[in-house]
Amino acid sequence: MKVGLSLVVLLEIVGYALLAFWLLLVFRVVIEWIRAFSRDWRPTGLTVVILEGIMSITDPPVKLLRRLIPPIAIGAVRLDLSILVLLLVAFIGMQLALGAAANAALS
């Protein structure tokens, strides 16, 4: 059975959009680590614009998951698993979409 080219293109767009979102989440984790370890770091210029873009794109799903998944208290430290769960979901979704696109293109 032939699958339409539009389905393959749609699955690839979804897969690459999830890849871009996954990369933005990785950048967000790096930004949060820099903020945690260097409290006096104050970005300026174009860096502020880029960081604001990353944070505004990734904030809504992260905040939603932070409400659903409470941080785990380990002694005096609280471990936030929301970004880890979001990274995992985005990665699995990306793999599923790109794999389905490859299979659909071959059939």
PDB file of N, CA and C in Angstrom:
ATOM      1  N   MET A   1       0.840  -1.184   0.000  1.00  0.00           N
ATOM      2  CA  MET A   1       0.000   0.000   0.000  1.00  0.00           C
ATOM      3  C   MET A   1       0.886   1.248   0.000  1.00  0.00           C
ATOM      4  N   LYS A   2       0.646   2.133  -0.927  1.00  0.00           N
ATOM      5  CA  LYS A   2       1.420   3.368  -1.030  1.00  0.00           C
ATOM      6  C   LYS A   2       0.913   4.406  -0.040  1.00  0.00           C
ATOM      7  N   VAL A   3       1.859   4.988   0.665  1.00  0.00           N
ATOM      8  CA  VAL A   3       1.526   6.066   1.594  1.00  0.00           C
ATOM      9  C   VAL A   3       1.822   7.378   0.884  1.00  0.00           C
ATOM     10  N   GLY A   4       0.957   8.343   1.082  1.00  0.00           N
ATOM     11  CA  GLY A   4       1.125   9.620   0.414  1.00  0.00           C
ATOM     12  C   GLY A   4       2.378  10.358   0.850  1.00  0.00           C
ATOM     13  N   LEU A   5       2.918  11.106  -0.070  1.00  0.00           N
ATOM     14  CA  LEU A   5       4.102  11.904   0.208  1.00  0.00           C
ATOM     15  C   LEU A   5       3.823  12.941   1.289  1.00  0.00           C
ATOM     16  N   SER A   6       2.593  13.410   1.354  1.00  0.00           N
ATOM     17  CA  SER A   6       2.256  14.434   2.349  1.00  0.00           C
ATOM     18  C   SER A   6       2.376  13.883   3.773  1.00  0.00           C
ATOM     19  N   LEU A   7       2.067  12.588   3.975  1.00  0.00           N
ATOM     20  CA  LEU A   7       2.220  11.988   5.300  1.00  0.00           C
ATOM     21  C   LEU A   7       3.688  11.911   5.689  1.00  0.00           C
ATOM     22  N   VAL A   8       4.530  11.539   4.748  1.00  0.00           N
ATOM     23  CA  VAL A   8       5.966  11.464   5.011  1.00  0.00           C
ATOM     24  C   VAL A   8       6.502  12.843   5.373  1.00  0.00           C
ATOM     25  N   VAL A   9       6.116  13.849   4.614  1.00  0.00           N
ATOM     26  CA  VAL A   9       6.573  15.218   4.879  1.00  0.00           C
ATOM     27  C   VAL A   9       6.073  15.698   6.239  1.00  0.00           C
ATOM     28  N   LEU A  10       4.819  15.412   6.560  1.00  0.00           N
ATOM     29  CA  LEU A  10       4.257  15.809   7.850  1.00  0.00           C
ATOM     30  C   LEU A  10       5.008  15.150   9.005  1.00  0.00           C
ATOM     31  N   LEU A  11       5.284  13.857   8.893  1.00  0.00           N
ATOM     32  CA  LEU A  11       6.016  13.160   9.953  1.00  0.00           C
ATOM     33  C   LEU A  11       7.435  13.703  10.099  1.00  0.00           C
ATOM     34  N   GLU A  12       8.076  14.043   8.985  1.00  0.00           N
ATOM     35  CA  GLU A  12       9.417  14.617   9.062  1.00  0.00           C
ATOM     36  C   GLU A  12       9.392  16.001   9.699  1.00  0.00           C
ATOM     37  N   ILE A  13       8.399  16.801   9.380  1.00  0.00           N
ATOM     38  CA  ILE A  13       8.281  18.129   9.995  1.00  0.00           C
ATOM     39  C   ILE A  13       8.095  17.996  11.497  1.00  0.00           C
ATOM     40  N   VAL A  14       7.220  17.081  11.916  1.00  0.00           N
ATOM     41  CA  VAL A  14       6.999  16.854  13.350  1.00  0.00           C
ATOM     42  C   VAL A  14       8.286  16.372  14.008  1.00  0.00           C
ATOM     43  N   GLY A  15       8.979  15.443  13.369  1.00  0.00           N
ATOM     44  CA  GLY A  15      10.225  14.921  13.928  1.00  0.00           C
ATOM     45  C   GLY A  15      11.288  15.988  14.084  1.00  0.00           C
ATOM     46  N   TYR A  16      11.466  16.813  13.069  1.00  0.00           N
ATOM     47  CA  TYR A  16      12.482  17.864  13.147  1.00  0.00           C
ATOM     48  C   TYR A  16      12.066  18.995  14.089  1.00  0.00           C
ATOM     49  N   ALA A  17      10.773  19.251  14.211  1.00  0.00           N
ATOM     50  CA  ALA A  17      10.310  20.238  15.198  1.00  0.00           C
ATOM     51  C   ALA A  17      10.599  19.738  16.612  1.00  0.00           C
ATOM     52  N   LEU A  18      10.374  18.443  16.845  1.00  0.00           N
ATOM     53  CA  LEU A  18      10.693  17.875  18.162  1.00  0.00           C
ATOM     54  C   LEU A  18      12.197  17.873  18.412  1.00  0.00           C
ATOM     55  N   LEU A  19      12.997  17.674  17.374  1.00  0.00           N
ATOM     56  CA  LEU A  19      14.452  17.764  17.518  1.00  0.00           C
ATOM     57  C   LEU A  19      14.862  19.177  17.926  1.00  0.00           C
ATOM     58  N   ALA A  20      14.292  20.180  17.269  1.00  0.00           N
ATOM     59  CA  ALA A  20      14.602  21.570  17.612  1.00  0.00           C
ATOM     60  C   ALA A  20      14.181  21.878  19.045  1.00  0.00           C
ATOM     61  N   PHE A  21      13.004  21.395  19.454  1.00  0.00           N
ATOM     62  CA  PHE A  21      12.535  21.613  20.823  1.00  0.00           C
ATOM     63  C   PHE A  21      13.446  20.908  21.818  1.00  0.00           C
ATOM     64  N   TRP A  22      13.890  19.695  21.488  1.00  0.00           N
ATOM     65  CA  TRP A  22      14.798  18.946  22.357  1.00  0.00           C
ATOM     66  C   TRP A  22      16.115  19.706  22.533  1.00  0.00           C
ATOM     67  N   LEU A  23      16.643  20.259  21.438  1.00  0.00           N
ATOM     68  CA  LEU A  23      17.881  21.040  21.530  1.00  0.00           C
ATOM     69  C   LEU A  23      17.688  22.293  22.380  1.00  0.00           C
ATOM     70  N   LEU A  24      16.539  22.953  22.242  1.00  0.00           N
ATOM     71  CA  LEU A  24      16.256  24.121  23.076  1.00  0.00           C
ATOM     72  C   LEU A  24      16.191  23.733  24.553  1.00  0.00           C
ATOM     73  N   LEU A  25      15.628  22.563  24.852  1.00  0.00           N
ATOM     74  CA  LEU A  25      15.591  22.096  26.241  1.00  0.00           C
ATOM     75  C   LEU A  25      16.994  21.830  26.774  1.00  0.00           C
ATOM     76  N   VAL A  26      17.859  21.262  25.951  1.00  0.00           N
ATOM     77  CA  VAL A  26      19.249  21.031  26.370  1.00  0.00           C
ATOM     78  C   VAL A  26      19.931  22.369  26.647  1.00  0.00           C
ATOM     79  N   PHE A  27      19.729  23.356  25.771  1.00  0.00           N
ATOM     80  CA  PHE A  27      20.294  24.688  26.003  1.00  0.00           C
ATOM     81  C   PHE A  27      19.739  25.291  27.291  1.00  0.00           C
ATOM     82  N   ARG A  28      18.461  25.064  27.568  1.00  0.00           N
ATOM     83  CA  ARG A  28      17.853  25.584  28.795  1.00  0.00           C
ATOM     84  C   ARG A  28      18.511  24.973  30.029  1.00  0.00           C
ATOM     85  N   VAL A  29      18.772  23.674  29.983  1.00  0.00           N
ATOM     86  CA  VAL A  29      19.445  23.015  31.107  1.00  0.00           C
ATOM     87  C   VAL A  29      20.824  23.628  31.322  1.00  0.00           C
ATOM     88  N   VAL A  30      21.557  23.857  30.243  1.00  0.00           N
ATOM     89  CA  VAL A  30      22.884  24.476  30.355  1.00  0.00           C
ATOM     90  C   VAL A  30      22.768  25.882  30.943  1.00  0.00           C
ATOM     91  N   ILE A  31      21.791  26.645  30.482  1.00  0.00           N
ATOM     92  CA  ILE A  31      21.580  28.001  31.002  1.00  0.00           C
ATOM     93  C   ILE A  31      21.273  27.960  32.495  1.00  0.00           C
ATOM     94  N   GLU A  32      20.411  27.033  32.907  1.00  0.00           N
ATOM     95  CA  GLU A  32      20.061  26.943  34.326  1.00  0.00           C
ATOM     96  C   GLU A  32      21.254  26.518  35.169  1.00  0.00           C
ATOM     97  N   TRP A  33      22.111  25.650  34.641  1.00  0.00           N
ATOM     98  CA  TRP A  33      23.318  25.277  35.379  1.00  0.00           C
ATOM     99  C   TRP A  33      24.260  26.469  35.509  1.00  0.00           C
ATOM    100  N   ILE A  34      24.408  27.247  34.440  1.00  0.00           N
ATOM    101  CA  ILE A  34      25.266  28.436  34.514  1.00  0.00           C
ATOM    102  C   ILE A  34      24.723  29.402  35.558  1.00  0.00           C
ATOM    103  N   ARG A  35      23.414  29.614  35.557  1.00  0.00           N
ATOM    104  CA  ARG A  35      22.808  30.510  36.553  1.00  0.00           C
ATOM    105  C   ARG A  35      22.991  29.983  37.970  1.00  0.00           C
ATOM    106  N   ALA A  36      22.914  28.661  38.150  1.00  0.00           N
ATOM    107  CA  ALA A  36      23.043  28.074  39.485  1.00  0.00           C
ATOM    108  C   ALA A  36      24.474  28.168  40.007  1.00  0.00           C
ATOM    109  N   PHE A  37      25.456  27.968  39.137  1.00  0.00           N
ATOM    110  CA  PHE A  37      26.841  27.944  39.587  1.00  0.00           C
ATOM    111  C   PHE A  37      27.528  29.302  39.518  1.00  0.00           C
ATOM    112  N   SER A  38      27.015  30.213  38.725  1.00  0.00           N
ATOM    113  CA  SER A  38      27.595  31.550  38.625  1.00  0.00           C
ATOM    114  C   SER A  38      26.487  32.574  38.854  1.00  0.00           C
ATOM    115  N   ARG A  39      26.203  32.817  40.110  1.00  0.00           N
ATOM    116  CA  ARG A  39      25.074  33.685  40.471  1.00  0.00           C
ATOM    117  C   ARG A  39      25.244  35.129  39.991  1.00  0.00           C
ATOM    118  N   ASP A  40      26.480  35.578  39.808  1.00  0.00           N
ATOM    119  CA  ASP A  40      26.697  36.968  39.397  1.00  0.00           C
ATOM    120  C   ASP A  40      26.730  37.133  37.874  1.00  0.00           C
ATOM    121  N   TRP A  41      26.456  36.069  37.110  1.00  0.00           N
ATOM    122  CA  TRP A  41      26.452  36.146  35.652  1.00  0.00           C
ATOM    123  C   TRP A  41      25.236  36.915  35.174  1.00  0.00           C
ATOM    124  N   ARG A  42      25.467  37.969  34.417  1.00  0.00           N
ATOM    125  CA  ARG A  42      24.398  38.785  33.860  1.00  0.00           C
ATOM    126  C   ARG A  42      24.625  38.918  32.358  1.00  0.00           C
ATOM    127  N   PRO A  43      23.853  38.188  31.545  1.00  0.00           N
ATOM    128  CA  PRO A  43      24.042  38.285  30.093  1.00  0.00           C
ATOM    129  C   PRO A  43      23.632  39.664  29.576  1.00  0.00           C
ATOM    130  N   THR A  44      24.251  40.065  28.483  1.00  0.00           N
ATOM    131  CA  THR A  44      23.945  41.367  27.884  1.00  0.00           C
ATOM    132  C   THR A  44      23.826  41.221  26.369  1.00  0.00           C
ATOM    133  N   GLY A  45      23.227  42.211  25.760  1.00  0.00           N
ATOM    134  CA  GLY A  45      23.157  42.299  24.305  1.00  0.00           C
ATOM    135  C   GLY A  45      22.362  41.186  23.654  1.00  0.00           C
ATOM    136  N   LEU A  46      22.930  40.609  22.608  1.00  0.00           N
ATOM    137  CA  LEU A  46      22.272  39.564  21.835  1.00  0.00           C
ATOM    138  C   LEU A  46      22.048  38.307  22.674  1.00  0.00           C
ATOM    139  N   THR A  47      22.920  38.071  23.640  1.00  0.00           N
ATOM    140  CA  THR A  47      22.775  36.900  24.510  1.00  0.00           C
ATOM    141  C   THR A  47      21.450  36.940  25.256  1.00  0.00           C
ATOM    142  N   VAL A  48      21.045  38.107  25.713  1.00  0.00           N
ATOM    143  CA  VAL A  48      19.769  38.242  26.427  1.00  0.00           C
ATOM    144  C   VAL A  48      18.608  37.881  25.508  1.00  0.00           C
ATOM    145  N   VAL A  49      18.670  38.336  24.274  1.00  0.00           N
ATOM    146  CA  VAL A  49      17.594  38.059  23.318  1.00  0.00           C
ATOM    147  C   VAL A  49      17.502  36.561  23.045  1.00  0.00           C
ATOM    148  N   ILE A  50      18.632  35.912  22.837  1.00  0.00           N
ATOM    149  CA  ILE A  50      18.648  34.470  22.570  1.00  0.00           C
ATOM    150  C   ILE A  50      18.147  33.692  23.776  1.00  0.00           C
ATOM    151  N   LEU A  51      18.635  34.047  24.966  1.00  0.00           N
ATOM    152  CA  LEU A  51      18.211  33.343  26.179  1.00  0.00           C
ATOM    153  C   LEU A  51      16.729  33.554  26.456  1.00  0.00           C
ATOM    154  N   GLU A  52      16.235  34.747  26.212  1.00  0.00           N
ATOM    155  CA  GLU A  52      14.805  35.016  26.415  1.00  0.00           C
ATOM    156  C   GLU A  52      13.963  34.198  25.442  1.00  0.00           C
ATOM    157  N   GLY A  53      14.433  34.066  24.212  1.00  0.00           N
ATOM    158  CA  GLY A  53      13.722  33.237  23.240  1.00  0.00           C
ATOM    159  C   GLY A  53      13.673  31.779  23.661  1.00  0.00           C
ATOM    160  N   ILE A  54      14.800  31.259  24.124  1.00  0.00           N
ATOM    161  CA  ILE A  54      14.848  29.867  24.585  1.00  0.00           C
ATOM    162  C   ILE A  54      13.913  29.668  25.766  1.00  0.00           C
ATOM    163  N   MET A  55      13.963  30.583  26.725  1.00  0.00           N
ATOM    164  CA  MET A  55      13.129  30.434  27.920  1.00  0.00           C
ATOM    165  C   MET A  55      11.645  30.588  27.586  1.00  0.00           C
ATOM    166  N   SER A  56      11.293  31.510  26.703  1.00  0.00           N
ATOM    167  CA  SER A  56       9.871  31.708  26.401  1.00  0.00           C
ATOM    168  C   SER A  56       9.287  30.543  25.600  1.00  0.00           C
ATOM    169  N   ILE A  57      10.112  29.856  24.814  1.00  0.00           N
ATOM    170  CA  ILE A  57       9.618  28.698  24.069  1.00  0.00           C
ATOM    171  C   ILE A  57       9.470  27.485  24.982  1.00  0.00           C
ATOM    172  N   THR A  58      10.415  27.300  25.893  1.00  0.00           N
ATOM    173  CA  THR A  58      10.401  26.091  26.726  1.00  0.00           C
ATOM    174  C   THR A  58       9.641  26.253  28.033  1.00  0.00           C
ATOM    175  N   ASP A  59       9.323  27.476  28.432  1.00  0.00           N
ATOM    176  CA  ASP A  59       8.648  27.698  29.720  1.00  0.00           C
ATOM    177  C   ASP A  59       7.262  27.055  29.846  1.00  0.00           C
ATOM    178  N   PRO A  60       6.350  27.209  28.880  1.00  0.00           N
ATOM    179  CA  PRO A  60       5.003  26.652  29.095  1.00  0.00           C
ATOM    180  C   PRO A  60       4.969  25.149  29.390  1.00  0.00           C
ATOM    181  N   PRO A  61       5.642  24.290  28.599  1.00  0.00           N
ATOM    182  CA  PRO A  61       5.582  22.867  28.956  1.00  0.00           C
ATOM    183  C   PRO A  61       6.327  22.537  30.243  1.00  0.00           C
ATOM    184  N   VAL A  62       7.418  23.247  30.524  1.00  0.00           N
ATOM    185  CA  VAL A  62       8.166  22.983  31.760  1.00  0.00           C
ATOM    186  C   VAL A  62       7.328  23.366  32.972  1.00  0.00           C
ATOM    187  N   LYS A  63       6.673  24.520  32.912  1.00  0.00           N
ATOM    188  CA  LYS A  63       5.829  24.938  34.039  1.00  0.00           C
ATOM    189  C   LYS A  63       4.653  23.991  34.245  1.00  0.00           C
ATOM    190  N   LEU A  64       4.069  23.504  33.151  1.00  0.00           N
ATOM    191  CA  LEU A  64       2.976  22.540  33.265  1.00  0.00           C
ATOM    192  C   LEU A  64       3.449  21.266  33.959  1.00  0.00           C
ATOM    193  N   LEU A  65       4.592  20.754  33.538  1.00  0.00           N
ATOM    194  CA  LEU A  65       5.101  19.532  34.164  1.00  0.00           C
ATOM    195  C   LEU A  65       5.553  19.770  35.600  1.00  0.00           C
ATOM    196  N   ARG A  66       6.029  20.965  35.909  1.00  0.00           N
ATOM    197  CA  ARG A  66       6.420  21.260  37.299  1.00  0.00           C
ATOM    198  C   ARG A  66       5.214  21.241  38.224  1.00  0.00           C
ATOM    199  N   ARG A  67       4.039  21.596  37.690  1.00  0.00           N
ATOM    200  CA  ARG A  67       2.821  21.502  38.498  1.00  0.00           C
ATOM    201  C   ARG A  67       2.389  20.054  38.681  1.00  0.00           C
ATOM    202  N   LEU A  68       2.621  19.224  37.664  1.00  0.00           N
ATOM    203  CA  LEU A  68       2.192  17.826  37.716  1.00  0.00           C
ATOM    204  C   LEU A  68       3.186  16.919  38.437  1.00  0.00           C
ATOM    205  N   ILE A  69       4.485  17.205  38.312  1.00  0.00           N
ATOM    206  CA  ILE A  69       5.529  16.381  38.922  1.00  0.00           C
ATOM    207  C   ILE A  69       6.259  17.228  39.961  1.00  0.00           C
ATOM    208  N   PRO A  70       6.004  16.992  41.242  1.00  0.00           N
ATOM    209  CA  PRO A  70       6.688  17.784  42.266  1.00  0.00           C
ATOM    210  C   PRO A  70       8.169  17.407  42.357  1.00  0.00           C
ATOM    211  N   PRO A  71       9.021  18.364  42.741  1.00  0.00           N
ATOM    212  CA  PRO A  71      10.444  18.054  42.903  1.00  0.00           C
ATOM    213  C   PRO A  71      10.657  17.034  44.023  1.00  0.00           C
ATOM    214  N   ILE A  72      11.673  16.211  43.855  1.00  0.00           N
ATOM    215  CA  ILE A  72      12.009  15.197  44.853  1.00  0.00           C
ATOM    216  C   ILE A  72      13.022  15.801  45.818  1.00  0.00           C
ATOM    217  N   ALA A  73      12.716  15.729  47.114  1.00  0.00           N
ATOM    218  CA  ALA A  73      13.624  16.259  48.133  1.00  0.00           C
ATOM    219  C   ALA A  73      14.661  15.196  48.484  1.00  0.00           C
ATOM    220  N   ILE A  74      15.928  15.546  48.296  1.00  0.00           N
ATOM    221  CA  ILE A  74      17.042  14.676  48.670  1.00  0.00           C
ATOM    222  C   ILE A  74      17.894  15.465  49.654  1.00  0.00           C
ATOM    223  N   GLY A  75      17.605  15.304  50.927  1.00  0.00           N
ATOM    224  CA  GLY A  75      18.285  16.104  51.940  1.00  0.00           C
ATOM    225  C   GLY A  75      17.887  17.560  51.794  1.00  0.00           C
ATOM    226  N   ALA A  76      18.887  18.422  51.662  1.00  0.00           N
ATOM    227  CA  ALA A  76      18.626  19.852  51.511  1.00  0.00           C
ATOM    228  C   ALA A  76      18.435  20.250  50.048  1.00  0.00           C
ATOM    229  N   VAL A  77      18.595  19.299  49.147  1.00  0.00           N
ATOM    230  CA  VAL A  77      18.509  19.575  47.713  1.00  0.00           C
ATOM    231  C   VAL A  77      17.171  19.072  47.179  1.00  0.00           C
ATOM    232  N   ARG A  78      16.569  19.855  46.295  1.00  0.00           N
ATOM    233  CA  ARG A  78      15.324  19.436  45.639  1.00  0.00           C
ATOM    234  C   ARG A  78      15.630  19.181  44.165  1.00  0.00           C
ATOM    235  N   LEU A  79      15.358  17.960  43.718  1.00  0.00           N
ATOM    236  CA  LEU A  79      15.647  17.548  42.354  1.00  0.00           C
ATOM    237  C   LEU A  79      14.396  17.702  41.493  1.00  0.00           C
ATOM    238  N   ASP A  80      14.491  18.559  40.478  1.00  0.00           N
ATOM    239  CA  ASP A  80      13.370  18.816  39.572  1.00  0.00           C
ATOM    240  C   ASP A  80      13.452  17.854  38.392  1.00  0.00           C
ATOM    241  N   LEU A  81      12.476  16.968  38.287  1.00  0.00           N
ATOM    242  CA  LEU A  81      12.472  15.967  37.223  1.00  0.00           C
ATOM    243  C   LEU A  81      11.665  16.388  36.002  1.00  0.00           C
ATOM    244  N   SER A  82      11.039  17.557  36.040  1.00  0.00           N
ATOM    245  CA  SER A  82      10.148  17.948  34.946  1.00  0.00           C
ATOM    246  C   SER A  82      10.895  18.110  33.624  1.00  0.00           C
ATOM    247  N   ILE A  83      12.061  18.718  33.637  1.00  0.00           N
ATOM    248  CA  ILE A  83      12.813  18.905  32.396  1.00  0.00           C
ATOM    249  C   ILE A  83      13.327  17.565  31.887  1.00  0.00           C
ATOM    250  N   LEU A  84      13.739  16.689  32.808  1.00  0.00           N
ATOM    251  CA  LEU A  84      14.202  15.363  32.402  1.00  0.00           C
ATOM    252  C   LEU A  84      13.085  14.579  31.717  1.00  0.00           C
ATOM    253  N   VAL A  85      11.890  14.630  32.283  1.00  0.00           N
ATOM    254  CA  VAL A  85      10.741  13.944  31.678  1.00  0.00           C
ATOM    255  C   VAL A  85      10.425  14.555  30.312  1.00  0.00           C
ATOM    256  N   LEU A  86      10.470  15.873  30.218  1.00  0.00           N
ATOM    257  CA  LEU A  86      10.181  16.544  28.946  1.00  0.00           C
ATOM    258  C   LEU A  86      11.236  16.212  27.886  1.00  0.00           C
ATOM    259  N   LEU A  87      12.508  16.149  28.289  1.00  0.00           N
ATOM    260  CA  LEU A  87      13.565  15.743  27.364  1.00  0.00           C
ATOM    261  C   LEU A  87      13.316  14.331  26.842  1.00  0.00           C
ATOM    262  N   LEU A  88      12.938  13.435  27.737  1.00  0.00           N
ATOM    263  CA  LEU A  88      12.684  12.049  27.353  1.00  0.00           C
ATOM    264  C   LEU A  88      11.485  11.938  26.410  1.00  0.00           C
ATOM    265  N   VAL A  89      10.409  12.638  26.725  1.00  0.00           N
ATOM    266  CA  VAL A  89       9.207  12.594  25.881  1.00  0.00           C
ATOM    267  C   VAL A  89       9.497  13.185  24.496  1.00  0.00           C
ATOM    268  N   ALA A  90      10.212  14.307  24.454  1.00  0.00           N
ATOM    269  CA  ALA A  90      10.539  14.926  23.164  1.00  0.00           C
ATOM    270  C   ALA A  90      11.439  14.009  22.340  1.00  0.00           C
ATOM    271  N   PHE A  91      12.402  13.358  22.995  1.00  0.00           N
ATOM    272  CA  PHE A  91      13.315  12.468  22.275  1.00  0.00           C
ATOM    273  C   PHE A  91      12.577  11.250  21.723  1.00  0.00           C
ATOM    274  N   ILE A  92      11.727  10.645  22.545  1.00  0.00           N
ATOM    275  CA  ILE A  92      10.965   9.479  22.088  1.00  0.00           C
ATOM    276  C   ILE A  92      10.010   9.875  20.959  1.00  0.00           C
ATOM    277  N   GLY A  93       9.333  11.012  21.101  1.00  0.00           N
ATOM    278  CA  GLY A  93       8.445  11.484  20.038  1.00  0.00           C
ATOM    279  C   GLY A  93       9.188  11.750  18.744  1.00  0.00           C
ATOM    280  N   MET A  94      10.387  12.338  18.853  1.00  0.00           N
ATOM    281  CA  MET A  94      11.201  12.607  17.676  1.00  0.00           C
ATOM    282  C   MET A  94      11.589  11.299  16.988  1.00  0.00           C
ATOM    283  N   GLN A  95      12.032  10.320  17.768  1.00  0.00           N
ATOM    284  CA  GLN A  95      12.426   9.035  17.187  1.00  0.00           C
ATOM    285  C   GLN A  95      11.243   8.330  16.527  1.00  0.00           C
ATOM    286  N   LEU A  96      10.091   8.379  17.178  1.00  0.00           N
ATOM    287  CA  LEU A  96       8.901   7.746  16.601  1.00  0.00           C
ATOM    288  C   LEU A  96       8.486   8.421  15.295  1.00  0.00           C
ATOM    289  N   ALA A  97       8.484   9.749  15.282  1.00  0.00           N
ATOM    290  CA  ALA A  97       8.057  10.476  14.082  1.00  0.00           C
ATOM    291  C   ALA A  97       9.022  10.258  12.925  1.00  0.00           C
ATOM    292  N   LEU A  98      10.322  10.360  13.188  1.00  0.00           N
ATOM    293  CA  LEU A  98      11.289  10.186  12.105  1.00  0.00           C
ATOM    294  C   LEU A  98      11.356   8.728  11.647  1.00  0.00           C
ATOM    295  N   GLY A  99      11.200   7.795  12.582  1.00  0.00           N
ATOM    296  CA  GLY A  99      11.163   6.384  12.196  1.00  0.00           C
ATOM    297  C   GLY A  99       9.938   6.055  11.365  1.00  0.00           C
ATOM    298  N   ALA A 100       8.793   6.606  11.752  1.00  0.00           N
ATOM    299  CA  ALA A 100       7.570   6.378  10.981  1.00  0.00           C
ATOM    300  C   ALA A 100       7.678   7.016   9.600  1.00  0.00           C
ATOM    301  N   ALA A 101       8.329   8.171   9.521  1.00  0.00           N
ATOM    302  CA  ALA A 101       8.512   8.818   8.214  1.00  0.00           C
ATOM    303  C   ALA A 101       9.405   7.967   7.319  1.00  0.00           C
ATOM    304  N   ALA A 102      10.457   7.399   7.894  1.00  0.00           N
ATOM    305  CA  ALA A 102      11.352   6.549   7.104  1.00  0.00           C
ATOM    306  C   ALA A 102      10.629   5.288   6.632  1.00  0.00           C
ATOM    307  N   ASN A 103       9.845   4.684   7.523  1.00  0.00           N
ATOM    308  CA  ASN A 103       9.094   3.484   7.133  1.00  0.00           C
ATOM    309  C   ASN A 103       8.033   3.803   6.089  1.00  0.00           C
ATOM    310  N   ALA A 104       7.376   4.948   6.244  1.00  0.00           N
ATOM    311  CA  ALA A 104       6.338   5.330   5.284  1.00  0.00           C
ATOM    312  C   ALA A 104       6.949   5.637   3.917  1.00  0.00           C
ATOM    313  N   ALA A 105       8.151   6.198   3.921  1.00  0.00           N
ATOM    314  CA  ALA A 105       8.800   6.520   2.650  1.00  0.00           C
ATOM    315  C   ALA A 105       9.213   5.253   1.907  1.00  0.00           C
ATOM    316  N   LEU A 106       9.545   4.207   2.655  1.00  0.00           N
ATOM    317  CA  LEU A 106       9.969   2.954   2.024  1.00  0.00           C
ATOM    318  C   LEU A 106       8.808   2.118   1.507  1.00  0.00           C
ATOM    319  N   SER A 107       7.629   2.340   2.078  1.00  0.00           N
ATOM    320  CA  SER A 107       6.494   1.504   1.652  1.00  0.00           C
ATOM    321  C   SER A 107       5.774   2.072   0.444  1.00  0.00           C
TER     322      SER A 107
END
